[in-house]
Amino acid sequence: MARLHLFEWEDQPWLPRTLRDFITYHLQFTFSVPETEPLREAVADILVPPLKRAGATHIVDVCSGGGGPLIAVLPHLSAQLGKRVTAR
C-alpha cells in the first residue's frame, strides 16, 4: 500500500482558533456520549497495563485533541486500577 501524506486540520497554522477549539470540543463530546462507552473501555484496557507496570497514576497527554477524549477515559482507568488516575 502506498503511503498517504495526510494532515490534521488542527495542526495547520492557517486554521482559525475558533475551528480548532470546535474540533477539540467535538472530540470531547463524542467520547462522552453513551454510545462510545465500548471505545472508552477499549482505550482504558490498552492504557492499564503500562500504567500498572510503571506504577503510575498520572498521564501526560500529548496529541490527543487537547485532552478531550482522555477526560472520558479517566474514570475507567481509575476503576480498573482501583485508585484515582489524573492527566495533564
Protein backbone atom coordinates (compact mmCIF):
# COMPACT_ATOMS: atom_id res chain seq x y z
CA MET A 1 0.00 0.00 0.00
CA ALA A 2 1.33 3.41 -0.91
CA ARG A 3 1.95 5.91 1.84
CA LEU A 4 -0.67 8.63 2.12
CA HIS A 5 0.61 12.01 3.19
CA LEU A 6 -2.29 13.36 5.22
CA PHE A 7 -2.53 16.11 7.79
CA GLU A 8 -4.67 17.07 10.75
CA TRP A 9 -6.72 20.21 10.38
CA GLU A 10 -5.89 21.29 13.92
CA ASP A 11 -2.16 21.27 13.16
CA GLN A 12 -2.43 23.83 10.38
CA PRO A 13 -1.36 27.35 11.35
CA TRP A 14 -3.92 28.85 8.97
CA LEU A 15 -6.89 27.20 10.73
CA PRO A 16 -8.77 29.79 12.82
CA ARG A 17 -8.62 29.18 16.56
CA THR A 18 -12.43 29.01 16.71
CA LEU A 19 -12.46 25.97 14.43
CA ARG A 20 -9.52 24.39 16.25
CA ASP A 21 -11.39 24.74 19.55
CA PHE A 22 -14.58 23.38 17.98
CA ILE A 23 -12.75 20.24 16.83
CA THR A 24 -11.34 19.72 20.33
CA TYR A 25 -14.77 20.17 21.96
CA HIS A 26 -16.32 17.86 19.39
CA LEU A 27 -13.81 15.11 20.25
CA GLN A 28 -14.55 15.58 23.94
CA PHE A 29 -18.31 15.44 23.38
CA THR A 30 -18.13 12.42 21.08
CA PHE A 31 -16.13 10.47 23.64
CA SER A 32 -18.60 11.33 26.42
CA VAL A 33 -21.87 10.07 24.89
CA PRO A 34 -23.21 6.66 25.99
CA GLU A 35 -22.72 5.12 22.54
CA THR A 36 -18.94 5.43 22.84
CA GLU A 37 -18.73 3.54 26.16
CA PRO A 38 -17.12 0.49 24.45
CA LEU A 39 -14.50 2.77 22.90
CA ARG A 40 -13.65 4.34 26.26
CA GLU A 41 -13.34 0.88 27.80
CA ALA A 42 -11.09 -0.27 24.95
CA VAL A 43 -8.78 2.72 25.40
CA ALA A 44 -8.63 2.06 29.15
CA ASP A 45 -7.84 -1.62 28.50
CA ILE A 46 -4.86 -0.53 26.40
CA LEU A 47 -3.58 2.01 28.93
CA VAL A 48 -3.97 -0.01 32.14
CA PRO A 49 -1.09 -2.50 31.61
CA PRO A 50 1.63 0.14 31.08
CA LEU A 51 0.27 2.21 33.97
CA LYS A 52 0.46 -0.86 36.22
CA ARG A 53 3.99 -1.70 35.06
CA ALA A 54 5.12 1.87 35.75
CA GLY A 55 3.18 2.16 38.99
CA ALA A 56 1.83 5.43 37.60
CA THR A 57 -1.44 7.21 38.26
CA HIS A 58 -0.77 10.34 36.21
CA ILE A 59 -0.75 10.65 32.41
CA VAL A 60 0.89 13.44 30.48
CA ASP A 61 -1.40 13.70 27.48
CA VAL A 62 0.29 14.56 24.22
CA CYS A 63 -1.55 14.97 20.91
CA SER A 64 -4.98 13.58 21.72
CA GLY A 65 -7.07 16.55 20.77
CA GLY A 66 -6.38 18.82 23.68
CA GLY A 67 -7.09 16.08 26.21
CA GLY A 68 -10.73 15.95 25.19
CA PRO A 69 -11.06 12.19 24.70
CA LEU A 70 -8.88 11.29 27.67
CA ILE A 71 -11.18 13.08 30.13
CA ALA A 72 -13.89 10.48 29.46
CA VAL A 73 -11.41 7.59 29.82
CA LEU A 74 -10.04 8.60 33.25
CA PRO A 75 -12.95 7.14 35.26
CA HIS A 76 -12.45 3.77 33.54
CA LEU A 77 -8.74 3.85 34.30
CA SER A 78 -9.41 4.74 37.93
CA ALA A 79 -11.94 1.92 38.26
CA GLN A 80 -9.62 -0.67 36.72
CA LEU A 81 -6.59 0.41 38.77
CA GLY A 82 -8.52 0.94 41.99
CA LYS A 83 -7.03 4.40 42.50
CA ARG A 84 -7.53 7.88 41.09
CA VAL A 85 -5.83 8.46 37.73
CA THR A 86 -5.16 12.03 36.63
CA ALA A 87 -3.99 13.61 33.39
CA ARG A 88 -2.49 16.86 32.26
